[in-house]
Amino acid sequence: MALVTEETVMHLSKARASLLGDVEWNKLHVPGESALASGIYRCEGCGDETISLKGARLPLHDEHKHRDARKVQWRLIVKAQTKF
């Protein structure tokens, strides 16, 4: 889970995501796929998080492993506001 402090929480705003739209929020990315947006991505298999810039590849299987058979899939959970 992404953590914030009392001093930084004022810089967050809540996004309204829809199950039918907003591909950035609802898409599950496979390892090595390009990130659709800059931000924090959470592994759906284990809950670990990573950061990625828009267009950069998400961690590969050999960079993020599970001890069991859970799939590595990345979901955007915090989108960064960027000018690019």
N, C-alpha and C. Protein backbone atom coordinates (compact mmCIF):
# COMPACT_ATOMS: atom_id res chain seq x y z
N MET A 1 0.83 -1.16 0.00
CA MET A 1 0.00 0.00 0.00
C MET A 1 0.89 1.24 0.00
N ALA A 2 0.58 2.18 -0.86
CA ALA A 2 1.31 3.44 -0.89
C ALA A 2 1.01 4.21 0.40
N LEU A 3 2.04 4.80 0.99
CA LEU A 3 1.88 5.54 2.24
C LEU A 3 2.12 7.02 2.01
N VAL A 4 1.40 7.84 2.75
CA VAL A 4 1.59 9.29 2.71
C VAL A 4 1.68 9.80 4.14
N THR A 5 2.22 10.99 4.31
CA THR A 5 2.28 11.62 5.62
C THR A 5 1.19 12.68 5.72
N GLU A 6 0.96 13.17 6.93
CA GLU A 6 -0.01 14.25 7.13
C GLU A 6 0.33 15.46 6.25
N GLU A 7 1.63 15.72 6.11
CA GLU A 7 2.07 16.89 5.34
C GLU A 7 1.90 16.70 3.83
N THR A 8 1.90 15.48 3.35
CA THR A 8 1.81 15.26 1.90
C THR A 8 0.41 14.88 1.43
N VAL A 9 -0.48 14.52 2.33
CA VAL A 9 -1.81 14.08 1.92
C VAL A 9 -2.58 15.19 1.19
N MET A 10 -2.28 16.46 1.50
CA MET A 10 -2.98 17.56 0.83
C MET A 10 -2.66 17.64 -0.67
N HIS A 11 -1.60 16.98 -1.10
CA HIS A 11 -1.22 17.01 -2.51
C HIS A 11 -1.88 15.89 -3.32
N LEU A 12 -2.70 15.08 -2.67
CA LEU A 12 -3.39 13.99 -3.36
C LEU A 12 -4.81 14.40 -3.70
N SER A 13 -5.30 13.91 -4.82
CA SER A 13 -6.71 14.09 -5.15
C SER A 13 -7.25 12.75 -5.61
N LYS A 14 -8.51 12.51 -5.30
CA LYS A 14 -9.13 11.23 -5.60
C LYS A 14 -9.63 11.22 -7.04
N ALA A 15 -9.31 10.17 -7.76
CA ALA A 15 -9.78 10.01 -9.14
C ALA A 15 -11.02 9.14 -9.14
N ARG A 16 -11.91 9.43 -10.02
CA ARG A 16 -13.11 8.61 -10.15
C ARG A 16 -12.86 7.61 -11.26
N ALA A 17 -12.65 6.37 -10.89
CA ALA A 17 -12.38 5.32 -11.89
C ALA A 17 -13.64 4.50 -12.13
N SER A 18 -13.80 4.09 -13.35
CA SER A 18 -14.96 3.29 -13.74
C SER A 18 -14.49 1.93 -14.20
N LEU A 19 -15.27 0.90 -13.89
CA LEU A 19 -14.93 -0.44 -14.37
C LEU A 19 -15.08 -0.55 -15.88
N LEU A 20 -15.84 0.35 -16.48
CA LEU A 20 -16.07 0.28 -17.92
C LEU A 20 -15.13 1.16 -18.73
N GLY A 21 -14.44 2.07 -18.08
CA GLY A 21 -13.54 2.98 -18.80
C GLY A 21 -12.25 3.16 -18.05
N ASP A 22 -11.61 4.28 -18.29
CA ASP A 22 -10.36 4.61 -17.60
C ASP A 22 -9.36 3.47 -17.66
N VAL A 23 -8.91 3.17 -18.87
CA VAL A 23 -8.01 2.04 -19.11
C VAL A 23 -6.78 2.10 -18.21
N GLU A 24 -6.26 3.29 -17.95
CA GLU A 24 -5.06 3.40 -17.11
C GLU A 24 -5.25 2.71 -15.76
N TRP A 25 -6.41 2.84 -15.16
CA TRP A 25 -6.67 2.30 -13.83
C TRP A 25 -7.04 0.82 -13.85
N ASN A 26 -7.67 0.37 -14.89
CA ASN A 26 -8.24 -0.97 -14.90
C ASN A 26 -7.41 -2.00 -15.64
N LYS A 27 -6.43 -1.57 -16.40
CA LYS A 27 -5.63 -2.52 -17.17
C LYS A 27 -4.62 -3.23 -16.27
N LEU A 28 -4.54 -4.54 -16.42
CA LEU A 28 -3.49 -5.32 -15.76
C LEU A 28 -2.36 -5.48 -16.75
N HIS A 29 -1.17 -5.05 -16.38
CA HIS A 29 0.00 -5.08 -17.24
C HIS A 29 0.83 -6.33 -16.96
N VAL A 30 1.36 -6.92 -18.01
CA VAL A 30 2.26 -8.07 -17.85
C VAL A 30 3.68 -7.56 -17.67
N PRO A 31 4.56 -8.35 -17.07
CA PRO A 31 5.95 -7.93 -16.89
C PRO A 31 6.60 -7.52 -18.22
N GLY A 32 7.31 -6.40 -18.20
CA GLY A 32 7.99 -5.92 -19.39
C GLY A 32 7.15 -5.02 -20.28
N GLU A 33 5.86 -4.93 -20.01
CA GLU A 33 4.98 -4.07 -20.79
C GLU A 33 5.24 -2.61 -20.45
N SER A 34 4.97 -1.71 -21.40
CA SER A 34 5.15 -0.28 -21.16
C SER A 34 4.04 0.27 -20.28
N ALA A 35 4.41 1.12 -19.34
CA ALA A 35 3.42 1.76 -18.46
C ALA A 35 2.62 2.78 -19.25
N LEU A 36 1.30 2.80 -19.05
CA LEU A 36 0.44 3.76 -19.74
C LEU A 36 0.51 5.15 -19.11
N ALA A 37 0.93 5.21 -17.85
CA ALA A 37 1.02 6.49 -17.14
C ALA A 37 2.16 6.41 -16.12
N SER A 38 2.71 7.55 -15.77
CA SER A 38 3.71 7.60 -14.70
C SER A 38 3.00 7.43 -13.37
N GLY A 39 3.60 6.64 -12.47
CA GLY A 39 2.99 6.48 -11.16
C GLY A 39 3.46 5.24 -10.43
N ILE A 40 2.66 4.83 -9.45
CA ILE A 40 2.95 3.65 -8.65
C ILE A 40 2.08 2.50 -9.15
N TYR A 41 2.71 1.36 -9.37
CA TYR A 41 2.01 0.16 -9.83
C TYR A 41 2.12 -0.91 -8.76
N ARG A 42 1.01 -1.63 -8.50
CA ARG A 42 1.00 -2.70 -7.51
C ARG A 42 0.89 -4.05 -8.21
N CYS A 43 1.66 -5.02 -7.73
CA CYS A 43 1.57 -6.39 -8.23
C CYS A 43 0.29 -7.00 -7.68
N GLU A 44 -0.57 -7.47 -8.54
CA GLU A 44 -1.83 -8.08 -8.11
C GLU A 44 -1.60 -9.41 -7.41
N GLY A 45 -0.47 -10.05 -7.66
CA GLY A 45 -0.18 -11.34 -7.06
C GLY A 45 0.28 -11.27 -5.62
N CYS A 46 1.08 -10.24 -5.27
CA CYS A 46 1.66 -10.20 -3.93
C CYS A 46 1.47 -8.88 -3.20
N GLY A 47 1.08 -7.82 -3.90
CA GLY A 47 0.87 -6.53 -3.26
C GLY A 47 2.08 -5.62 -3.22
N ASP A 48 3.25 -6.10 -3.67
CA ASP A 48 4.43 -5.23 -3.73
C ASP A 48 4.18 -4.11 -4.74
N GLU A 49 4.88 -3.01 -4.58
CA GLU A 49 4.70 -1.86 -5.46
C GLU A 49 6.01 -1.47 -6.12
N THR A 50 5.88 -0.81 -7.28
CA THR A 50 7.03 -0.28 -7.99
C THR A 50 6.60 1.04 -8.62
N ILE A 51 7.57 1.85 -8.99
CA ILE A 51 7.26 3.09 -9.71
C ILE A 51 7.70 2.93 -11.16
N SER A 52 7.01 3.66 -12.03
CA SER A 52 7.38 3.61 -13.44
C SER A 52 7.00 4.93 -14.10
N LEU A 53 7.78 5.32 -15.08
CA LEU A 53 7.46 6.49 -15.89
C LEU A 53 6.64 6.05 -17.10
N LYS A 54 5.80 6.92 -17.60
CA LYS A 54 4.99 6.62 -18.78
C LYS A 54 5.91 6.17 -19.91
N GLY A 55 5.59 5.04 -20.51
CA GLY A 55 6.37 4.51 -21.62
C GLY A 55 7.51 3.61 -21.21
N ALA A 56 7.91 3.65 -19.94
CA ALA A 56 8.99 2.77 -19.46
C ALA A 56 8.42 1.38 -19.21
N ARG A 57 9.28 0.38 -19.29
CA ARG A 57 8.78 -0.98 -19.09
C ARG A 57 8.65 -1.29 -17.61
N LEU A 58 7.63 -2.07 -17.30
CA LEU A 58 7.43 -2.53 -15.92
C LEU A 58 8.36 -3.70 -15.65
N PRO A 59 8.66 -3.99 -14.37
CA PRO A 59 9.63 -5.04 -14.05
C PRO A 59 9.33 -6.38 -14.73
N LEU A 60 10.40 -7.02 -15.18
CA LEU A 60 10.31 -8.33 -15.83
C LEU A 60 10.18 -9.43 -14.78
N HIS A 61 9.88 -10.66 -15.24
CA HIS A 61 9.74 -11.81 -14.33
C HIS A 61 10.99 -12.01 -13.47
N ASP A 62 12.17 -11.84 -14.07
CA ASP A 62 13.39 -12.09 -13.29
C ASP A 62 13.71 -10.94 -12.32
N GLU A 63 13.02 -9.82 -12.45
CA GLU A 63 13.22 -8.69 -11.54
C GLU A 63 12.20 -8.68 -10.39
N HIS A 64 11.10 -9.39 -10.59
CA HIS A 64 10.05 -9.48 -9.57
C HIS A 64 9.50 -10.90 -9.59
N LYS A 65 9.87 -11.69 -8.61
CA LYS A 65 9.50 -13.11 -8.59
C LYS A 65 8.61 -13.42 -7.39
N HIS A 66 7.77 -14.42 -7.57
CA HIS A 66 6.97 -14.97 -6.48
C HIS A 66 7.47 -16.37 -6.17
N ARG A 67 7.44 -16.75 -4.91
CA ARG A 67 7.88 -18.10 -4.52
C ARG A 67 6.86 -19.16 -4.93
N ASP A 68 5.62 -18.76 -5.09
CA ASP A 68 4.59 -19.71 -5.50
C ASP A 68 4.15 -19.41 -6.93
N ALA A 69 3.02 -19.94 -7.34
CA ALA A 69 2.58 -19.84 -8.73
C ALA A 69 1.76 -18.59 -9.04
N ARG A 70 1.70 -17.64 -8.10
CA ARG A 70 0.91 -16.43 -8.38
C ARG A 70 1.49 -15.67 -9.57
N LYS A 71 0.58 -15.16 -10.41
CA LYS A 71 0.99 -14.40 -11.59
C LYS A 71 1.48 -13.01 -11.20
N VAL A 72 2.44 -12.52 -11.94
CA VAL A 72 2.88 -11.14 -11.78
C VAL A 72 2.08 -10.31 -12.78
N GLN A 73 1.24 -9.42 -12.27
CA GLN A 73 0.46 -8.49 -13.08
C GLN A 73 0.48 -7.16 -12.35
N TRP A 74 0.72 -6.09 -13.09
CA TRP A 74 0.85 -4.76 -12.50
C TRP A 74 -0.39 -3.93 -12.77
N ARG A 75 -0.88 -3.22 -11.73
CA ARG A 75 -2.03 -2.31 -11.86
C ARG A 75 -1.62 -0.94 -11.33
N LEU A 76 -1.96 0.11 -12.08
CA LEU A 76 -1.71 1.48 -11.65
C LEU A 76 -2.58 1.79 -10.44
N ILE A 77 -1.96 2.24 -9.34
CA ILE A 77 -2.74 2.59 -8.14
C ILE A 77 -2.61 4.07 -7.77
N VAL A 78 -1.51 4.72 -8.16
CA VAL A 78 -1.32 6.15 -7.94
C VAL A 78 -0.74 6.74 -9.21
N LYS A 79 -1.47 7.66 -9.82
CA LYS A 79 -1.01 8.28 -11.06
C LYS A 79 -0.30 9.59 -10.73
N ALA A 80 0.90 9.76 -11.28
CA ALA A 80 1.66 10.99 -11.08
C ALA A 80 1.22 12.05 -12.08
N GLN A 81 1.16 13.29 -11.65
CA GLN A 81 0.84 14.39 -12.55
C GLN A 81 2.13 14.83 -13.21
N THR A 82 2.20 14.67 -14.52
CA THR A 82 3.39 15.06 -15.26
C THR A 82 3.00 15.89 -16.47
N LYS A 83 3.96 16.59 -17.01
CA LYS A 83 3.72 17.42 -18.20
C LYS A 83 4.05 16.69 -19.49
N PHE A 84 4.52 15.44 -19.38
CA PHE A 84 4.85 14.67 -20.58
C PHE A 84 4.16 13.34 -20.57
